[in-house]
Structures are given as C-alpha cells and as structure tokens.
C-alpha cells in the first residue's frame, strides 16, 4: 500500500496519519522493503475527531511510551529503564484500539 492510499484509507475511518516510516535495504543488488509500515510502531496515528493544531495530540501509537520515557531522568543510553505494568497495559490498549479501528475487528 502506498503512502497516499494509506493516508486516504485511514482518513476514511477517522484516523490521521501524522507520519510514518518505510525501511529499505539492498538484497542481492535489489532494493527491498525490509520492515513494517502503517503500524503503531512505524507511524503516528491521531484520531481525526480529537485533532487540534498547536498541541500534543491523542494517539494510537508508541507516543505514550515515549512520553513516559521523557518524564524520567534517563540519558537515553542502554540499558533502557523497565516499563511499569500500567504503561505497558495502556500502550497495549492503544494498539488494540488502532487495530479495531483499522480492521473493524476486535482483538479482545
């Protein structure tokens, strides 16, 4: 799925694709796509109905983990701090909600 189509499909179901990344490599002399795309780990998904310019946005992606880590006095060098269970659970909830909105299926 191309970027334009992905953006359009997500907008159709009320999600703004704020940014995404595509990772490529070279294999046997050919350019190949090597990683996921349009997932909460590779993209920033914002609910369209909650969007307000000029402020942090609610999201369905790993921004919740990033925000938690930014609240710590961690120098961003290994080892990374452990994540509390509530941060892991809330992040999972966001990913499950993104999946349900995008696919129309509940993971439960």
N, C-alpha and C. Protein backbone atom coordinates (compact mmCIF):
# COMPACT_ATOMS: atom_id res chain seq x y z
N UNK A 1 0.86 -1.17 0.00
CA UNK A 1 0.00 0.00 0.00
C UNK A 1 0.90 1.23 0.00
N UNK A 2 0.61 2.17 -0.88
CA UNK A 2 1.39 3.39 -0.97
C UNK A 2 0.98 4.39 0.09
N UNK A 3 1.83 5.37 0.30
CA UNK A 3 1.60 6.39 1.32
C UNK A 3 0.28 7.13 1.10
N UNK A 4 0.02 7.55 -0.12
CA UNK A 4 -1.22 8.29 -0.40
C UNK A 4 -2.45 7.42 -0.12
N UNK A 5 -2.43 6.19 -0.57
CA UNK A 5 -3.57 5.30 -0.33
C UNK A 5 -3.73 5.02 1.16
N UNK A 6 -2.62 4.77 1.85
CA UNK A 6 -2.69 4.52 3.29
C UNK A 6 -3.29 5.71 4.03
N UNK A 7 -2.85 6.89 3.67
CA UNK A 7 -3.36 8.11 4.29
C UNK A 7 -4.85 8.25 4.04
N UNK A 8 -5.28 7.99 2.81
CA UNK A 8 -6.69 8.10 2.46
C UNK A 8 -7.54 7.05 3.18
N UNK A 9 -7.07 5.82 3.23
CA UNK A 9 -7.82 4.76 3.90
C UNK A 9 -7.99 5.05 5.39
N UNK A 10 -6.92 5.51 6.02
CA UNK A 10 -7.01 5.85 7.44
C UNK A 10 -7.93 7.04 7.67
N UNK A 11 -7.85 8.06 6.83
CA UNK A 11 -8.73 9.23 6.97
C UNK A 11 -10.20 8.82 6.84
N UNK A 12 -10.47 7.88 5.97
CA UNK A 12 -11.84 7.40 5.75
C UNK A 12 -12.45 6.84 7.04
N UNK A 13 -11.61 6.28 7.90
CA UNK A 13 -12.12 5.71 9.15
C UNK A 13 -11.82 6.60 10.36
N UNK A 14 -11.45 7.85 10.10
CA UNK A 14 -11.29 8.82 11.18
C UNK A 14 -9.93 8.86 11.85
N UNK A 15 -8.90 8.39 11.16
CA UNK A 15 -7.55 8.42 11.71
C UNK A 15 -6.65 9.26 10.80
N UNK A 16 -5.93 10.19 11.40
CA UNK A 16 -4.94 10.96 10.66
C UNK A 16 -3.60 10.25 10.74
N UNK A 17 -2.96 10.04 9.61
CA UNK A 17 -1.61 9.50 9.58
C UNK A 17 -0.67 10.69 9.65
N UNK A 18 -0.16 10.96 10.85
CA UNK A 18 0.67 12.15 11.06
C UNK A 18 2.05 11.97 10.44
N UNK A 19 2.62 10.79 10.56
CA UNK A 19 3.86 10.46 9.88
C UNK A 19 4.04 8.95 9.90
N UNK A 20 4.91 8.49 9.06
CA UNK A 20 5.21 7.06 9.00
C UNK A 20 6.61 6.89 8.46
N UNK A 21 7.15 5.72 8.60
CA UNK A 21 8.47 5.47 8.04
C UNK A 21 8.42 4.17 7.26
N UNK A 22 9.24 4.13 6.25
CA UNK A 22 9.44 2.93 5.45
C UNK A 22 10.93 2.63 5.52
N UNK A 23 11.26 1.38 5.79
CA UNK A 23 12.66 1.00 5.86
C UNK A 23 12.99 0.07 4.70
N UNK A 24 14.09 0.40 4.04
CA UNK A 24 14.52 -0.36 2.88
C UNK A 24 15.95 -0.85 3.07
N UNK A 25 16.29 -1.87 2.34
CA UNK A 25 17.64 -2.39 2.32
C UNK A 25 17.97 -2.85 0.92
N UNK A 26 19.15 -3.37 0.76
CA UNK A 26 19.57 -3.92 -0.53
C UNK A 26 19.87 -5.38 -0.33
N UNK A 27 19.25 -6.20 -1.15
CA UNK A 27 19.46 -7.65 -1.08
C UNK A 27 19.74 -8.14 -2.50
N UNK A 28 20.86 -8.79 -2.65
CA UNK A 28 21.26 -9.31 -3.96
C UNK A 28 21.19 -8.21 -5.02
N UNK A 29 21.61 -7.00 -4.62
CA UNK A 29 21.67 -5.88 -5.54
C UNK A 29 20.34 -5.21 -5.84
N UNK A 30 19.29 -5.63 -5.16
CA UNK A 30 17.96 -5.06 -5.39
C UNK A 30 17.45 -4.36 -4.14
N UNK A 31 16.78 -3.26 -4.34
CA UNK A 31 16.16 -2.53 -3.24
C UNK A 31 14.95 -3.32 -2.76
N UNK A 32 14.88 -3.56 -1.44
CA UNK A 32 13.75 -4.31 -0.88
C UNK A 32 13.20 -3.57 0.34
N UNK A 33 11.92 -3.72 0.53
CA UNK A 33 11.23 -3.18 1.70
C UNK A 33 11.50 -4.17 2.82
N UNK A 34 12.05 -3.70 3.97
CA UNK A 34 12.51 -4.64 4.98
C UNK A 34 11.77 -4.60 6.30
N UNK A 35 10.79 -3.73 6.43
CA UNK A 35 10.14 -3.64 7.74
C UNK A 35 8.68 -3.29 7.58
N UNK A 36 7.99 -3.29 8.70
CA UNK A 36 6.58 -2.97 8.74
C UNK A 36 6.30 -1.54 8.26
N UNK A 37 5.05 -1.29 7.95
CA UNK A 37 4.60 0.06 7.59
C UNK A 37 3.14 0.19 8.02
N UNK A 38 2.74 1.40 8.29
CA UNK A 38 1.35 1.69 8.69
C UNK A 38 0.95 0.91 9.95
N UNK A 39 1.87 0.82 10.91
CA UNK A 39 1.56 0.20 12.20
C UNK A 39 1.83 1.23 13.30
N UNK A 40 1.33 0.99 14.51
CA UNK A 40 1.62 1.91 15.61
C UNK A 40 3.10 2.03 15.97
N UNK A 41 3.91 1.06 15.56
CA UNK A 41 5.35 1.15 15.81
C UNK A 41 6.08 1.95 14.75
N UNK A 42 5.50 2.04 13.56
CA UNK A 42 6.20 2.72 12.47
C UNK A 42 5.53 4.04 12.07
N UNK A 43 4.43 4.37 12.72
CA UNK A 43 3.64 5.54 12.32
C UNK A 43 3.09 6.25 13.53
N UNK A 44 2.60 7.45 13.30
CA UNK A 44 1.85 8.16 14.32
C UNK A 44 0.42 8.28 13.82
N UNK A 45 -0.49 7.70 14.59
CA UNK A 45 -1.91 7.72 14.27
C UNK A 45 -2.61 8.63 15.26
N UNK A 46 -3.35 9.60 14.75
CA UNK A 46 -4.12 10.51 15.61
C UNK A 46 -5.60 10.39 15.26
N UNK A 47 -6.47 10.36 16.28
CA UNK A 47 -7.90 10.37 15.96
C UNK A 47 -8.28 11.71 15.34
N UNK A 48 -8.93 11.65 14.21
CA UNK A 48 -9.30 12.87 13.48
C UNK A 48 -10.21 13.77 14.31
N UNK A 49 -11.12 13.15 15.06
CA UNK A 49 -12.08 13.93 15.84
C UNK A 49 -11.45 14.61 17.07
N UNK A 50 -10.24 14.25 17.43
CA UNK A 50 -9.57 14.88 18.57
C UNK A 50 -8.45 15.81 18.18
N UNK A 51 -8.24 15.98 16.87
CA UNK A 51 -7.11 16.79 16.40
C UNK A 51 -7.32 18.28 16.67
N UNK A 52 -6.30 18.89 17.25
CA UNK A 52 -6.27 20.34 17.45
C UNK A 52 -4.84 20.81 17.21
N UNK A 53 -4.65 21.66 16.20
CA UNK A 53 -3.28 22.13 15.91
C UNK A 53 -2.66 22.86 17.10
N UNK A 54 -1.34 22.78 17.19
CA UNK A 54 -0.61 23.55 18.19
C UNK A 54 -0.47 22.91 19.55
N UNK A 55 -0.83 21.65 19.68
CA UNK A 55 -0.69 20.96 20.96
C UNK A 55 -0.38 19.49 20.70
N UNK A 56 0.02 18.79 21.76
CA UNK A 56 0.21 17.35 21.64
C UNK A 56 -1.13 16.70 21.31
N UNK A 57 -1.08 15.65 20.53
CA UNK A 57 -2.30 15.00 20.07
C UNK A 57 -2.53 13.68 20.79
N UNK A 58 -3.79 13.34 21.03
CA UNK A 58 -4.06 11.97 21.47
C UNK A 58 -3.62 11.04 20.34
N UNK A 59 -3.22 9.83 20.66
CA UNK A 59 -2.69 8.98 19.60
C UNK A 59 -2.97 7.51 19.86
N UNK A 60 -2.77 6.72 18.81
CA UNK A 60 -2.90 5.26 18.89
C UNK A 60 -1.56 4.61 18.58
N UNK A 61 -0.50 5.15 19.09
CA UNK A 61 0.83 4.67 18.72
C UNK A 61 1.75 4.65 19.93
N UNK A 62 3.04 4.48 19.67
CA UNK A 62 4.00 4.35 20.76
C UNK A 62 4.37 5.67 21.42
N UNK A 63 3.71 6.75 21.06
CA UNK A 63 3.98 8.04 21.68
C UNK A 63 3.77 7.98 23.19
N UNK A 64 2.83 7.17 23.64
CA UNK A 64 2.56 7.02 25.07
C UNK A 64 3.82 6.54 25.80
N UNK A 65 4.53 5.58 25.22
CA UNK A 65 5.78 5.08 25.81
C UNK A 65 6.85 6.17 25.75
N UNK A 66 6.95 6.84 24.63
CA UNK A 66 7.94 7.93 24.50
C UNK A 66 7.69 9.00 25.56
N UNK A 67 6.43 9.38 25.74
CA UNK A 67 6.11 10.41 26.73
C UNK A 67 6.51 9.95 28.13
N UNK A 68 6.26 8.69 28.45
CA UNK A 68 6.66 8.17 29.75
C UNK A 68 8.18 8.24 29.91
N UNK A 69 8.91 7.78 28.91
CA UNK A 69 10.37 7.77 29.00
C UNK A 69 10.93 9.19 29.10
N UNK A 70 10.30 10.15 28.43
CA UNK A 70 10.74 11.54 28.53
C UNK A 70 10.54 12.11 29.93
N UNK A 71 9.62 11.53 30.69
CA UNK A 71 9.36 12.02 32.06
C UNK A 71 10.42 11.54 33.05
N UNK A 72 11.28 10.62 32.63
CA UNK A 72 12.32 10.06 33.51
C UNK A 72 13.63 10.83 33.35
N UNK A 73 14.48 10.67 34.31
CA UNK A 73 15.83 11.21 34.22
C UNK A 73 16.74 10.13 33.63
N UNK A 74 16.51 9.82 32.36
CA UNK A 74 17.25 8.77 31.66
C UNK A 74 18.02 9.42 30.53
N UNK A 75 19.28 9.10 30.39
CA UNK A 75 20.14 9.72 29.38
C UNK A 75 20.03 9.08 28.00
N UNK A 76 19.09 8.17 27.83
CA UNK A 76 18.80 7.51 26.55
C UNK A 76 19.92 6.59 26.07
N UNK A 77 20.74 6.17 27.01
CA UNK A 77 21.77 5.18 26.70
C UNK A 77 21.40 3.86 27.36
N UNK A 78 21.78 2.73 26.74
CA UNK A 78 21.49 1.43 27.34
C UNK A 78 22.11 1.31 28.72
N UNK A 79 21.47 0.59 29.56
CA UNK A 79 20.21 -0.12 29.34
C UNK A 79 19.01 0.82 29.52
N UNK A 80 17.96 0.54 28.78
CA UNK A 80 16.73 1.32 28.91
C UNK A 80 16.04 0.94 30.22
N UNK A 81 15.32 1.88 30.80
CA UNK A 81 14.58 1.54 32.02
C UNK A 81 13.42 0.59 31.72
N UNK A 82 13.07 -0.19 32.70
CA UNK A 82 11.90 -1.07 32.57
C UNK A 82 10.64 -0.22 32.53
N UNK A 83 9.64 -0.72 31.83
CA UNK A 83 8.36 -0.01 31.77
C UNK A 83 7.44 -0.57 32.84
N UNK A 84 6.78 0.30 33.59
CA UNK A 84 5.81 -0.17 34.57
C UNK A 84 4.64 -0.88 33.88
N UNK A 85 4.02 -1.79 34.60
CA UNK A 85 2.91 -2.56 34.03
C UNK A 85 1.80 -1.67 33.49
N UNK A 86 1.51 -0.55 34.17
CA UNK A 86 0.42 0.31 33.70
C UNK A 86 0.76 0.97 32.36
N UNK A 87 2.03 1.29 32.13
CA UNK A 87 2.45 1.89 30.85
C UNK A 87 2.33 0.83 29.75
N UNK A 88 2.75 -0.39 30.03
CA UNK A 88 2.63 -1.48 29.06
C UNK A 88 1.15 -1.74 28.74
N UNK A 89 0.32 -1.80 29.77
CA UNK A 89 -1.11 -2.08 29.57
C UNK A 89 -1.78 -0.97 28.77
N UNK A 90 -1.47 0.28 29.08
CA UNK A 90 -2.09 1.40 28.35
C UNK A 90 -1.62 1.43 26.89
N UNK A 91 -0.36 1.12 26.67
CA UNK A 91 0.15 1.07 25.30
C UNK A 91 -0.55 -0.05 24.53
N UNK A 92 -0.71 -1.20 25.16
CA UNK A 92 -1.43 -2.30 24.52
C UNK A 92 -2.84 -1.87 24.16
N UNK A 93 -3.52 -1.19 25.08
CA UNK A 93 -4.88 -0.72 24.81
C UNK A 93 -4.91 0.17 23.56
N UNK A 94 -3.94 1.05 23.44
CA UNK A 94 -3.87 1.94 22.28
C UNK A 94 -3.67 1.14 20.98
N UNK A 95 -2.79 0.14 21.01
CA UNK A 95 -2.55 -0.68 19.83
C UNK A 95 -3.80 -1.49 19.47
N UNK A 96 -4.46 -2.04 20.48
CA UNK A 96 -5.68 -2.82 20.23
C UNK A 96 -6.77 -1.92 19.65
N UNK A 97 -6.89 -0.71 20.16
CA UNK A 97 -7.88 0.22 19.61
C UNK A 97 -7.54 0.58 18.16
N UNK A 98 -6.27 0.82 17.87
CA UNK A 98 -5.87 1.11 16.49
C UNK A 98 -6.23 -0.06 15.59
N UNK A 99 -5.94 -1.27 16.02
CA UNK A 99 -6.27 -2.46 15.23
C UNK A 99 -7.77 -2.53 14.97
N UNK A 100 -8.57 -2.33 16.00
CA UNK A 100 -10.03 -2.41 15.85
C UNK A 100 -10.54 -1.34 14.89
N UNK A 101 -10.04 -0.14 15.01
CA UNK A 101 -10.49 0.93 14.12
C UNK A 101 -10.09 0.67 12.67
N UNK A 102 -8.88 0.18 12.48
CA UNK A 102 -8.36 -0.02 11.13
C UNK A 102 -8.97 -1.24 10.46
N UNK A 103 -9.10 -2.33 11.19
CA UNK A 103 -9.56 -3.59 10.58
C UNK A 103 -11.05 -3.85 10.78
N UNK A 104 -11.66 -3.18 11.76
CA UNK A 104 -13.06 -3.46 12.08
C UNK A 104 -13.22 -4.72 12.90
N UNK A 105 -12.11 -5.27 13.40
CA UNK A 105 -12.15 -6.49 14.21
C UNK A 105 -11.56 -6.23 15.58
N UNK A 106 -12.19 -6.80 16.60
CA UNK A 106 -11.73 -6.62 17.98
C UNK A 106 -10.79 -7.76 18.36
N UNK A 107 -9.63 -7.40 18.90
CA UNK A 107 -8.69 -8.43 19.38
C UNK A 107 -9.09 -8.97 20.74
N UNK A 108 -9.88 -8.16 21.49
CA UNK A 108 -10.33 -8.58 22.80
C UNK A 108 -9.32 -8.59 23.83
